[in-house]
Amino acid sequence: MAGRTHDLWVLGVCAMLAAIVLFPVYWIVMTSILPTEIMLSRNPPLLPPLSRVTFDAYPEVFARKPMLTWLANSVTVVLGTLAVTILAAAMAGYSLSRFSTKAQQAMGFGLLASKMLPGSLVIIPFFIMFSKVGLIETKLGLILANAAIAVPFATWLLKGFFDAIPRELEQAAMIDGCNEWQAFRHVVLPIARPGIAASATYVAIVTWADLVFARTLMSKPENWLVTVGLQSFMGEYSVEWSALMAAATISLVPMLILFFLLEPFLVKGMTQGSLAN
C-alpha cells in the first residue's frame, strides 16, 4: 500500500511538472485558435469556448507569408548543421576520450572555453569573415556559424559516451582484422548511438531556435529562417497575435517529428545504462 501511495505521489509530481513546462505551448495553441480580443481581455479563458474557436489563422499564415520557404530554409540549415557538427564532434570526442596528451587536453579545454562565448559576441567576426568569402545570404554560412557554436558542447557530450565504452571492444575488433578507423566506425559508433541521438537533438533544437545568426547573416525575406519570419508578424504599432501564434505552432512540428524519430535511440540508451548499473 505504501509503495502504491509513493508511486501516486511521484506520478502526481511528474504530471504537475509536465503541465508547468507544457503550459506555454498550450497557451500558444490557444492564442492561435481564438480571436485576439478574447485572449487580450482582462480575464482570458483557461479553456477555449468552443463557439469562438476558429482555425482561420493557419491558412492565413501560408497565404500571406512564404511560410513553406522559411520552413524549408530552417530544415536545410538544421540538417546541414547536424551533418557538420556530429561528424566533427564524434571524431573530436573520440580523440579526447582515447588520447590524454597535453595537446589533447589543451584542445579540450579550448573547446570548453569557446562554449562559454555567447553567439552575440562572435557574430561580428563571423559577419566580417563571411563577407570577405561571399557567405553572407547563404545557407552554408549559417550552417558553419551554428556548427561552430554547437561542436564544443556536442564534443564533450560524446566524449562522456565514448569514455563509457570499454577499449577492449576496439582491441578485439582489431585482433579480428579491423584497423583503428574500422573499429571506430563499426564498433564504437553503433554503441554510441544514444549519445549521438542526444547530441543531434540538442544541436537541432539550438539551430532551429537560432535568431542571432539567422537575423544578421540573412537579410532577404526569401532567405529567412522561420524564427526570423515570425518577427514579420509583429508590426510597429500592433501584433497579429492569432497569425503569430499559428505560425509558432506550425514551427514546432518539425522539432516534434525529429524528437519522435530519435526517441527510440534515447530510450535505448537509458535502458542500456540501467542494465549496466
C-alpha atoms as a PDB file:
ATOM      1  CA  MET A   1       0.000   0.000   0.000  1.00  0.00           C
ATOM      2  CA  ALA A   2       2.811   2.367   0.921  1.00  0.00           C
ATOM      3  CA  GLY A   3       4.574   1.653  -2.353  1.00  0.00           C
ATOM      4  CA  ARG A   4       1.412   2.395  -4.334  1.00  0.00           C
ATOM      5  CA  THR A   5       0.925   5.679  -2.469  1.00  0.00           C
ATOM      6  CA  HIS A   6       4.534   6.625  -3.225  1.00  0.00           C
ATOM      7  CA  ASP A   7       4.020   5.855  -6.928  1.00  0.00           C
ATOM      8  CA  LEU A   8       0.880   8.021  -6.992  1.00  0.00           C
ATOM      9  CA  TRP A   9       2.783  10.901  -5.405  1.00  0.00           C
ATOM     10  CA  VAL A  10       5.598  10.568  -7.938  1.00  0.00           C
ATOM     11  CA  LEU A  11       3.084  10.405 -10.787  1.00  0.00           C
ATOM     12  CA  GLY A  12       1.290  13.482  -9.473  1.00  0.00           C
ATOM     13  CA  VAL A  13       4.512  15.488  -9.149  1.00  0.00           C
ATOM     14  CA  CYS A  14       5.612  14.470 -12.662  1.00  0.00           C
ATOM     15  CA  ALA A  15       2.202  15.429 -14.073  1.00  0.00           C
ATOM     16  CA  MET A  16       2.393  18.807 -12.348  1.00  0.00           C
ATOM     17  CA  LEU A  17       5.885  19.495 -13.665  1.00  0.00           C
ATOM     18  CA  ALA A  18       4.845  18.436 -17.176  1.00  0.00           C
ATOM     19  CA  ALA A  19       1.836  20.763 -17.001  1.00  0.00           C
ATOM     20  CA  ILE A  20       4.051  23.685 -15.949  1.00  0.00           C
ATOM     21  CA  VAL A  21       6.574  23.007 -18.731  1.00  0.00           C
ATOM     22  CA  LEU A  22       3.938  22.499 -21.440  1.00  0.00           C
ATOM     23  CA  PHE A  23       1.629  25.348 -20.411  1.00  0.00           C
ATOM     24  CA  PRO A  24       3.376  27.935 -22.672  1.00  0.00           C
ATOM     25  CA  VAL A  25       2.867  25.597 -25.649  1.00  0.00           C
ATOM     26  CA  TYR A  26      -0.797  25.184 -24.681  1.00  0.00           C
ATOM     27  CA  TRP A  27      -1.225  28.949 -24.477  1.00  0.00           C
ATOM     28  CA  ILE A  28       0.389  29.413 -27.909  1.00  0.00           C
ATOM     29  CA  VAL A  29      -2.105  26.985 -29.437  1.00  0.00           C
ATOM     30  CA  MET A  30      -4.968  28.645 -27.554  1.00  0.00           C
ATOM     31  CA  THR A  31      -3.983  32.073 -28.850  1.00  0.00           C
ATOM     32  CA  SER A  32      -3.832  30.759 -32.409  1.00  0.00           C
ATOM     33  CA  ILE A  33      -7.405  29.411 -32.412  1.00  0.00           C
ATOM     34  CA  LEU A  34      -9.225  32.187 -30.529  1.00  0.00           C
ATOM     35  CA  PRO A  35      -9.935  35.787 -31.606  1.00  0.00           C
ATOM     36  CA  THR A  36      -7.394  38.319 -30.404  1.00  0.00           C
ATOM     37  CA  GLU A  37      -9.942  40.315 -28.389  1.00  0.00           C
ATOM     38  CA  ILE A  38     -10.667  37.256 -26.229  1.00  0.00           C
ATOM     39  CA  MET A  39      -7.028  36.485 -25.477  1.00  0.00           C
ATOM     40  CA  LEU A  40      -6.262  40.155 -24.706  1.00  0.00           C
ATOM     41  CA  SER A  41      -9.290  40.611 -22.459  1.00  0.00           C
ATOM     42  CA  ARG A  42      -8.900  41.303 -18.757  1.00  0.00           C
ATOM     43  CA  ASN A  43      -9.813  37.697 -17.851  1.00  0.00           C
ATOM     44  CA  PRO A  44      -8.830  35.404 -20.733  1.00  0.00           C
ATOM     45  CA  PRO A  45     -10.361  31.902 -20.513  1.00  0.00           C
ATOM     46  CA  LEU A  46      -8.191  28.991 -19.464  1.00  0.00           C
ATOM     47  CA  LEU A  47     -10.277  26.634 -21.612  1.00  0.00           C
ATOM     48  CA  PRO A  48     -11.305  27.740 -25.106  1.00  0.00           C
ATOM     49  CA  PRO A  49     -15.026  28.441 -25.621  1.00  0.00           C
ATOM     50  CA  LEU A  50     -15.913  26.065 -28.451  1.00  0.00           C
ATOM     51  CA  SER A  51     -18.265  28.571 -30.081  1.00  0.00           C
ATOM     52  CA  ARG A  52     -15.387  31.004 -30.651  1.00  0.00           C
ATOM     53  CA  VAL A  53     -12.746  28.521 -31.818  1.00  0.00           C
ATOM     54  CA  THR A  54     -11.540  29.176 -35.357  1.00  0.00           C
ATOM     55  CA  PHE A  55      -8.631  27.872 -37.413  1.00  0.00           C
ATOM     56  CA  ASP A  56      -8.672  30.709 -39.944  1.00  0.00           C
ATOM     57  CA  ALA A  57      -5.242  31.909 -38.813  1.00  0.00           C
ATOM     58  CA  TYR A  58      -3.483  28.788 -40.123  1.00  0.00           C
ATOM     59  CA  PRO A  59      -4.377  29.097 -43.841  1.00  0.00           C
ATOM     60  CA  GLU A  60      -3.911  32.856 -43.494  1.00  0.00           C
ATOM     61  CA  VAL A  61      -0.295  32.327 -42.438  1.00  0.00           C
ATOM     62  CA  PHE A  62       0.510  30.410 -45.620  1.00  0.00           C
ATOM     63  CA  ALA A  63      -1.488  32.806 -47.799  1.00  0.00           C
ATOM     64  CA  ARG A  64       0.179  35.992 -46.537  1.00  0.00           C
ATOM     65  CA  LYS A  65       3.716  34.822 -45.806  1.00  0.00           C
ATOM     66  CA  PRO A  66       6.187  32.431 -47.525  1.00  0.00           C
ATOM     67  CA  MET A  67       5.941  30.077 -44.558  1.00  0.00           C
ATOM     68  CA  LEU A  68       6.849  26.968 -46.532  1.00  0.00           C
ATOM     69  CA  THR A  69      10.005  28.666 -47.821  1.00  0.00           C
ATOM     70  CA  TRP A  70      11.029  29.659 -44.307  1.00  0.00           C
ATOM     71  CA  LEU A  71      10.394  26.148 -43.013  1.00  0.00           C
ATOM     72  CA  ALA A  72      12.408  24.648 -45.875  1.00  0.00           C
ATOM     73  CA  ASN A  73      15.286  27.045 -45.173  1.00  0.00           C
ATOM     74  CA  SER A  74      15.272  26.122 -41.485  1.00  0.00           C
ATOM     75  CA  VAL A  75      15.161  22.382 -42.206  1.00  0.00           C
ATOM     76  CA  THR A  76      18.076  22.716 -44.662  1.00  0.00           C
ATOM     77  CA  VAL A  77      20.197  24.647 -42.175  1.00  0.00           C
ATOM     78  CA  VAL A  78      19.393  22.220 -39.342  1.00  0.00           C
ATOM     79  CA  LEU A  79      20.264  19.154 -41.425  1.00  0.00           C
ATOM     80  CA  GLY A  80      23.487  20.737 -42.671  1.00  0.00           C
ATOM     81  CA  THR A  81      24.479  21.781 -39.156  1.00  0.00           C
ATOM     82  CA  LEU A  82      23.737  18.290 -37.865  1.00  0.00           C
ATOM     83  CA  ALA A  83      25.933  16.695 -40.542  1.00  0.00           C
ATOM     84  CA  VAL A  84      28.892  19.003 -39.881  1.00  0.00           C
ATOM     85  CA  THR A  85      28.548  19.035 -36.090  1.00  0.00           C
ATOM     86  CA  ILE A  86      28.039  15.315 -35.486  1.00  0.00           C
ATOM     87  CA  LEU A  87      30.891  14.372 -37.827  1.00  0.00           C
ATOM     88  CA  ALA A  88      33.328  16.820 -36.220  1.00  0.00           C
ATOM     89  CA  ALA A  89      32.141  16.195 -32.640  1.00  0.00           C
ATOM     90  CA  ALA A  90      32.268  12.400 -32.989  1.00  0.00           C
ATOM     91  CA  MET A  91      35.896  12.423 -34.111  1.00  0.00           C
ATOM     92  CA  ALA A  92      36.909  15.127 -31.633  1.00  0.00           C
ATOM     93  CA  GLY A  93      35.088  13.446 -28.739  1.00  0.00           C
ATOM     94  CA  TYR A  94      36.646  10.085 -29.580  1.00  0.00           C
ATOM     95  CA  SER A  95      40.085  11.677 -29.732  1.00  0.00           C
ATOM     96  CA  LEU A  96      39.627  13.344 -26.336  1.00  0.00           C
ATOM     97  CA  SER A  97      38.358  10.069 -24.880  1.00  0.00           C
ATOM     98  CA  ARG A  98      41.118   7.809 -26.148  1.00  0.00           C
ATOM     99  CA  PHE A  99      44.186  10.054 -26.010  1.00  0.00           C
ATOM    100  CA  SER A 100      45.371  12.007 -22.981  1.00  0.00           C
ATOM    101  CA  THR A 101      48.329  14.030 -24.265  1.00  0.00           C
ATOM    102  CA  LYS A 102      48.840  17.626 -23.197  1.00  0.00           C
ATOM    103  CA  ALA A 103      47.864  18.804 -26.667  1.00  0.00           C
ATOM    104  CA  GLN A 104      44.587  16.888 -26.444  1.00  0.00           C
ATOM    105  CA  GLN A 105      43.856  18.311 -23.009  1.00  0.00           C
ATOM    106  CA  ALA A 106      44.583  21.837 -24.224  1.00  0.00           C
ATOM    107  CA  MET A 107      42.261  21.334 -27.190  1.00  0.00           C
ATOM    108  CA  GLY A 108      39.548  20.008 -24.881  1.00  0.00           C
ATOM    109  CA  PHE A 109      39.779  22.995 -22.550  1.00  0.00           C
ATOM    110  CA  GLY A 110      39.827  25.292 -25.580  1.00  0.00           C
ATOM    111  CA  LEU A 111      36.583  23.767 -26.819  1.00  0.00           C
ATOM    112  CA  LEU A 112      35.048  24.087 -23.361  1.00  0.00           C
ATOM    113  CA  ALA A 113      36.117  27.739 -23.103  1.00  0.00           C
ATOM    114  CA  SER A 114      34.729  28.520 -26.555  1.00  0.00           C
ATOM    115  CA  LYS A 115      31.340  27.171 -25.466  1.00  0.00           C
ATOM    116  CA  MET A 116      31.198  29.894 -22.833  1.00  0.00           C
ATOM    117  CA  LEU A 117      31.206  32.599 -25.507  1.00  0.00           C
ATOM    118  CA  PRO A 118      27.676  33.794 -26.401  1.00  0.00           C
ATOM    119  CA  GLY A 119      26.643  33.893 -30.026  1.00  0.00           C
ATOM    120  CA  SER A 120      26.127  37.665 -29.862  1.00  0.00           C
ATOM    121  CA  LEU A 121      29.847  38.061 -29.103  1.00  0.00           C
ATOM    122  CA  VAL A 122      31.142  36.113 -32.103  1.00  0.00           C
ATOM    123  CA  ILE A 123      28.576  37.261 -34.679  1.00  0.00           C
ATOM    124  CA  ILE A 124      30.641  40.304 -35.694  1.00  0.00           C
ATOM    125  CA  PRO A 125      33.807  38.264 -36.508  1.00  0.00           C
ATOM    126  CA  PHE A 126      31.627  35.782 -38.386  1.00  0.00           C
ATOM    127  CA  PHE A 127      29.998  38.586 -40.361  1.00  0.00           C
ATOM    128  CA  ILE A 128      33.359  40.090 -41.316  1.00  0.00           C
ATOM    129  CA  MET A 129      34.843  36.734 -42.357  1.00  0.00           C
ATOM    130  CA  PHE A 130      31.760  35.618 -44.272  1.00  0.00           C
ATOM    131  CA  SER A 131      31.561  38.979 -46.062  1.00  0.00           C
ATOM    132  CA  LYS A 132      35.081  38.505 -47.390  1.00  0.00           C
ATOM    133  CA  VAL A 133      34.457  34.973 -48.686  1.00  0.00           C
ATOM    134  CA  GLY A 134      30.928  35.542 -50.001  1.00  0.00           C
ATOM    135  CA  LEU A 135      28.978  33.522 -47.438  1.00  0.00           C
ATOM    136  CA  ILE A 136      26.518  36.264 -46.490  1.00  0.00           C
ATOM    137  CA  GLU A 137      22.965  35.405 -47.616  1.00  0.00           C
ATOM    138  CA  THR A 138      23.921  31.732 -47.977  1.00  0.00           C
ATOM    139  CA  LYS A 139      22.749  28.689 -46.056  1.00  0.00           C
ATOM    140  CA  LEU A 140      26.347  27.427 -45.922  1.00  0.00           C
ATOM    141  CA  GLY A 141      27.331  30.466 -43.871  1.00  0.00           C
ATOM    142  CA  LEU A 142      24.547  29.791 -41.368  1.00  0.00           C
ATOM    143  CA  ILE A 143      25.484  26.112 -41.194  1.00  0.00           C
ATOM    144  CA  LEU A 144      29.120  26.911 -40.433  1.00  0.00           C
ATOM    145  CA  ALA A 145      28.199  29.564 -37.843  1.00  0.00           C
ATOM    146  CA  ASN A 146      25.791  27.278 -35.996  1.00  0.00           C
ATOM    147  CA  ALA A 147      28.195  24.344 -36.200  1.00  0.00           C
ATOM    148  CA  ALA A 148      30.957  26.460 -34.676  1.00  0.00           C
ATOM    149  CA  ILE A 149      28.742  27.092 -31.661  1.00  0.00           C
ATOM    150  CA  ALA A 150      27.380  23.544 -31.381  1.00  0.00           C
ATOM    151  CA  VAL A 151      30.569  21.498 -31.860  1.00  0.00           C
ATOM    152  CA  PRO A 152      32.155  22.232 -28.416  1.00  0.00           C
ATOM    153  CA  PHE A 153      29.153  21.039 -26.397  1.00  0.00           C
ATOM    154  CA  ALA A 154      28.465  18.070 -28.672  1.00  0.00           C
ATOM    155  CA  THR A 155      32.137  17.068 -28.432  1.00  0.00           C
ATOM    156  CA  TRP A 156      32.112  16.945 -24.643  1.00  0.00           C
ATOM    157  CA  LEU A 157      28.759  15.203 -24.604  1.00  0.00           C
ATOM    158  CA  LEU A 158      30.003  12.470 -26.943  1.00  0.00           C
ATOM    159  CA  LYS A 159      33.277  12.194 -25.042  1.00  0.00           C
ATOM    160  CA  GLY A 160      31.288  11.069 -21.997  1.00  0.00           C
ATOM    161  CA  PHE A 161      29.629   8.306 -24.039  1.00  0.00           C
ATOM    162  CA  PHE A 162      32.932   7.210 -25.569  1.00  0.00           C
ATOM    163  CA  ASP A 163      34.524   7.085 -22.088  1.00  0.00           C
ATOM    164  CA  ALA A 164      31.880   4.517 -21.088  1.00  0.00           C
ATOM    165  CA  ILE A 165      32.747   2.180 -23.981  1.00  0.00           C
ATOM    166  CA  PRO A 166      35.461  -0.340 -22.989  1.00  0.00           C
ATOM    167  CA  ARG A 167      38.595  -0.113 -25.093  1.00  0.00           C
ATOM    168  CA  GLU A 168      38.773  -3.911 -25.093  1.00  0.00           C
ATOM    169  CA  LEU A 169      35.966  -3.956 -27.660  1.00  0.00           C
ATOM    170  CA  GLU A 170      38.089  -1.996 -30.118  1.00  0.00           C
ATOM    171  CA  GLN A 171      41.142  -4.130 -29.367  1.00  0.00           C
ATOM    172  CA  ALA A 172      39.118  -7.275 -30.025  1.00  0.00           C
ATOM    173  CA  ALA A 173      37.930  -5.834 -33.340  1.00  0.00           C
ATOM    174  CA  MET A 174      41.499  -5.004 -34.347  1.00  0.00           C
ATOM    175  CA  ILE A 175      42.607  -8.525 -33.457  1.00  0.00           C
ATOM    176  CA  ASP A 176      39.890  -9.752 -35.837  1.00  0.00           C
ATOM    177  CA  GLY A 177      41.410  -7.683 -38.649  1.00  0.00           C
ATOM    178  CA  CYS A 178      39.931  -4.185 -38.311  1.00  0.00           C
ATOM    179  CA  ASN A 179      42.117  -1.107 -38.386  1.00  0.00           C
ATOM    180  CA  GLU A 180      41.515   1.774 -35.967  1.00  0.00           C
ATOM    181  CA  TRP A 181      39.105   3.594 -38.302  1.00  0.00           C
ATOM    182  CA  GLN A 182      37.083   0.443 -38.949  1.00  0.00           C
ATOM    183  CA  ALA A 183      36.906  -0.324 -35.226  1.00  0.00           C
ATOM    184  CA  PHE A 184      35.687   3.209 -34.579  1.00  0.00           C
ATOM    185  CA  ARG A 185      33.112   3.038 -37.369  1.00  0.00           C
ATOM    186  CA  HIS A 186      31.780  -0.494 -36.889  1.00  0.00           C
ATOM    187  CA  VAL A 187      32.151  -0.982 -33.120  1.00  0.00           C
ATOM    188  CA  VAL A 188      32.277   2.340 -31.265  1.00  0.00           C
ATOM    189  CA  LEU A 189      29.767   4.387 -33.248  1.00  0.00           C
ATOM    190  CA  PRO A 190      26.943   1.799 -33.118  1.00  0.00           C
ATOM    191  CA  ILE A 191      27.322   1.516 -29.338  1.00  0.00           C
ATOM    192  CA  ALA A 192      27.373   5.320 -29.008  1.00  0.00           C
ATOM    193  CA  ARG A 193      24.148   5.819 -30.995  1.00  0.00           C
ATOM    194  CA  PRO A 194      22.195   7.016 -27.907  1.00  0.00           C
ATOM    195  CA  GLY A 195      24.849   9.670 -27.336  1.00  0.00           C
ATOM    196  CA  ILE A 196      24.790  10.671 -30.982  1.00  0.00           C
ATOM    197  CA  ALA A 197      20.985  10.910 -30.825  1.00  0.00           C
ATOM    198  CA  ALA A 198      21.167  13.084 -27.702  1.00  0.00           C
ATOM    199  CA  SER A 199      23.756  15.343 -29.334  1.00  0.00           C
ATOM    200  CA  ALA A 200      21.716  15.550 -32.531  1.00  0.00           C
ATOM    201  CA  THR A 201      18.607  16.520 -30.559  1.00  0.00           C
ATOM    202  CA  TYR A 202      20.469  19.290 -28.749  1.00  0.00           C
ATOM    203  CA  VAL A 203      22.091  20.624 -31.928  1.00  0.00           C
ATOM    204  CA  ALA A 204      18.817  20.541 -33.871  1.00  0.00           C
ATOM    205  CA  ILE A 205      16.872  22.421 -31.186  1.00  0.00           C
ATOM    206  CA  VAL A 206      19.568  25.088 -30.747  1.00  0.00           C
ATOM    207  CA  THR A 207      19.939  25.572 -34.506  1.00  0.00           C
ATOM    208  CA  TRP A 208      16.186  25.671 -35.111  1.00  0.00           C
ATOM    209  CA  ALA A 209      15.754  28.328 -32.407  1.00  0.00           C
ATOM    210  CA  ASP A 210      18.698  30.441 -33.598  1.00  0.00           C
ATOM    211  CA  LEU A 211      17.832  34.080 -34.189  1.00  0.00           C
ATOM    212  CA  VAL A 212      21.121  35.962 -33.798  1.00  0.00           C
ATOM    213  CA  PHE A 213      22.952  34.355 -36.723  1.00  0.00           C
ATOM    214  CA  ALA A 214      19.830  33.995 -38.881  1.00  0.00           C
ATOM    215  CA  ARG A 215      18.872  37.664 -38.462  1.00  0.00           C
ATOM    216  CA  THR A 216      22.388  39.005 -39.028  1.00  0.00           C
ATOM    217  CA  LEU A 217      23.603  36.807 -41.874  1.00  0.00           C
ATOM    218  CA  MET A 218      20.289  36.708 -43.787  1.00  0.00           C
ATOM    219  CA  SER A 219      18.529  39.949 -44.727  1.00  0.00           C
ATOM    220  CA  LYS A 220      16.440  38.929 -47.758  1.00  0.00           C
ATOM    221  CA  PRO A 221      12.941  37.645 -46.855  1.00  0.00           C
ATOM    222  CA  GLU A 222      13.249  34.670 -49.206  1.00  0.00           C
ATOM    223  CA  ASN A 223      16.346  33.538 -47.268  1.00  0.00           C
ATOM    224  CA  TRP A 224      14.875  33.957 -43.788  1.00  0.00           C
ATOM    225  CA  LEU A 225      14.570  31.098 -41.364  1.00  0.00           C
ATOM    226  CA  VAL A 226      11.284  30.521 -39.605  1.00  0.00           C
ATOM    227  CA  THR A 227      12.490  32.248 -36.409  1.00  0.00           C
ATOM    228  CA  VAL A 228      13.167  35.442 -38.348  1.00  0.00           C
ATOM    229  CA  GLY A 229       9.929  35.086 -40.289  1.00  0.00           C
ATOM    230  CA  LEU A 230       7.943  35.049 -37.057  1.00  0.00           C
ATOM    231  CA  GLN A 231       9.126  38.587 -36.377  1.00  0.00           C
ATOM    232  CA  SER A 232       7.380  39.804 -39.510  1.00  0.00           C
ATOM    233  CA  PHE A 233       4.021  39.285 -37.773  1.00  0.00           C
ATOM    234  CA  MET A 234       4.971  41.979 -35.261  1.00  0.00           C
ATOM    235  CA  GLY A 235       4.209  45.425 -36.648  1.00  0.00           C
ATOM    236  CA  GLU A 236       5.325  48.809 -35.397  1.00  0.00           C
ATOM    237  CA  TYR A 237       2.019  49.577 -33.710  1.00  0.00           C
ATOM    238  CA  SER A 238       0.270  46.215 -33.445  1.00  0.00           C
ATOM    239  CA  VAL A 239       0.882  42.475 -33.294  1.00  0.00           C
ATOM    240  CA  GLU A 240      -1.115  39.903 -35.252  1.00  0.00           C
ATOM    241  CA  TRP A 241      -1.379  37.550 -32.302  1.00  0.00           C
ATOM    242  CA  SER A 242      -3.501  34.841 -33.907  1.00  0.00           C
ATOM    243  CA  ALA A 243      -1.318  34.632 -37.015  1.00  0.00           C
ATOM    244  CA  LEU A 244       1.888  34.863 -34.992  1.00  0.00           C
ATOM    245  CA  MET A 245       0.877  32.041 -32.666  1.00  0.00           C
ATOM    246  CA  ALA A 246      -0.395  29.941 -35.574  1.00  0.00           C
ATOM    247  CA  ALA A 247       2.992  30.321 -37.260  1.00  0.00           C
ATOM    248  CA  ALA A 248       4.725  29.489 -33.961  1.00  0.00           C
ATOM    249  CA  THR A 249       2.598  26.347 -33.607  1.00  0.00           C
ATOM    250  CA  ILE A 250       3.486  25.281 -37.147  1.00  0.00           C
ATOM    251  CA  SER A 251       7.173  25.881 -36.426  1.00  0.00           C
ATOM    252  CA  LEU A 252       7.016  23.353 -33.564  1.00  0.00           C
ATOM    253  CA  VAL A 253       6.007  20.483 -35.848  1.00  0.00           C
ATOM    254  CA  PRO A 254       9.429  19.692 -37.411  1.00  0.00           C
ATOM    255  CA  MET A 255      11.098  19.522 -33.998  1.00  0.00           C
ATOM    256  CA  LEU A 256       8.364  17.235 -32.689  1.00  0.00           C
ATOM    257  CA  ILE A 257       8.860  14.955 -35.688  1.00  0.00           C
ATOM    258  CA  LEU A 258      12.621  14.907 -35.087  1.00  0.00           C
ATOM    259  CA  PHE A 259      12.132  14.058 -31.418  1.00  0.00           C
ATOM    260  CA  PHE A 260       9.820  11.148 -32.217  1.00  0.00           C
ATOM    261  CA  LEU A 261      12.353   9.843 -34.755  1.00  0.00           C
ATOM    262  CA  LEU A 262      15.231   9.995 -32.265  1.00  0.00           C
ATOM    263  CA  GLU A 263      13.239   8.989 -29.170  1.00  0.00           C
ATOM    264  CA  PRO A 264      13.822   5.206 -29.618  1.00  0.00           C
ATOM    265  CA  PHE A 265      17.586   5.756 -29.521  1.00  0.00           C
ATOM    266  CA  LEU A 266      17.320   7.913 -26.396  1.00  0.00           C
ATOM    267  CA  VAL A 267      15.161   5.340 -24.606  1.00  0.00           C
ATOM    268  CA  LYS A 268      17.510   2.554 -25.675  1.00  0.00           C
ATOM    269  CA  GLY A 269      20.418   4.451 -24.178  1.00  0.00           C
ATOM    270  CA  MET A 270      18.650   4.884 -20.825  1.00  0.00           C
ATOM    271  CA  THR A 271      17.694   1.204 -20.640  1.00  0.00           C
ATOM    272  CA  GLN A 272      21.238   0.139 -21.505  1.00  0.00           C
ATOM    273  CA  GLY A 273      22.553   2.371 -18.741  1.00  0.00           C
ATOM    274  CA  SER A 274      20.161   0.905 -16.194  1.00  0.00           C
ATOM    275  CA  LEU A 275      21.156  -2.651 -17.151  1.00  0.00           C
ATOM    276  CA  ALA A 276      24.839  -1.765 -16.961  1.00  0.00           C
ATOM    277  CA  ASN A 277      24.359  -0.427 -13.452  1.00  0.00           C
END
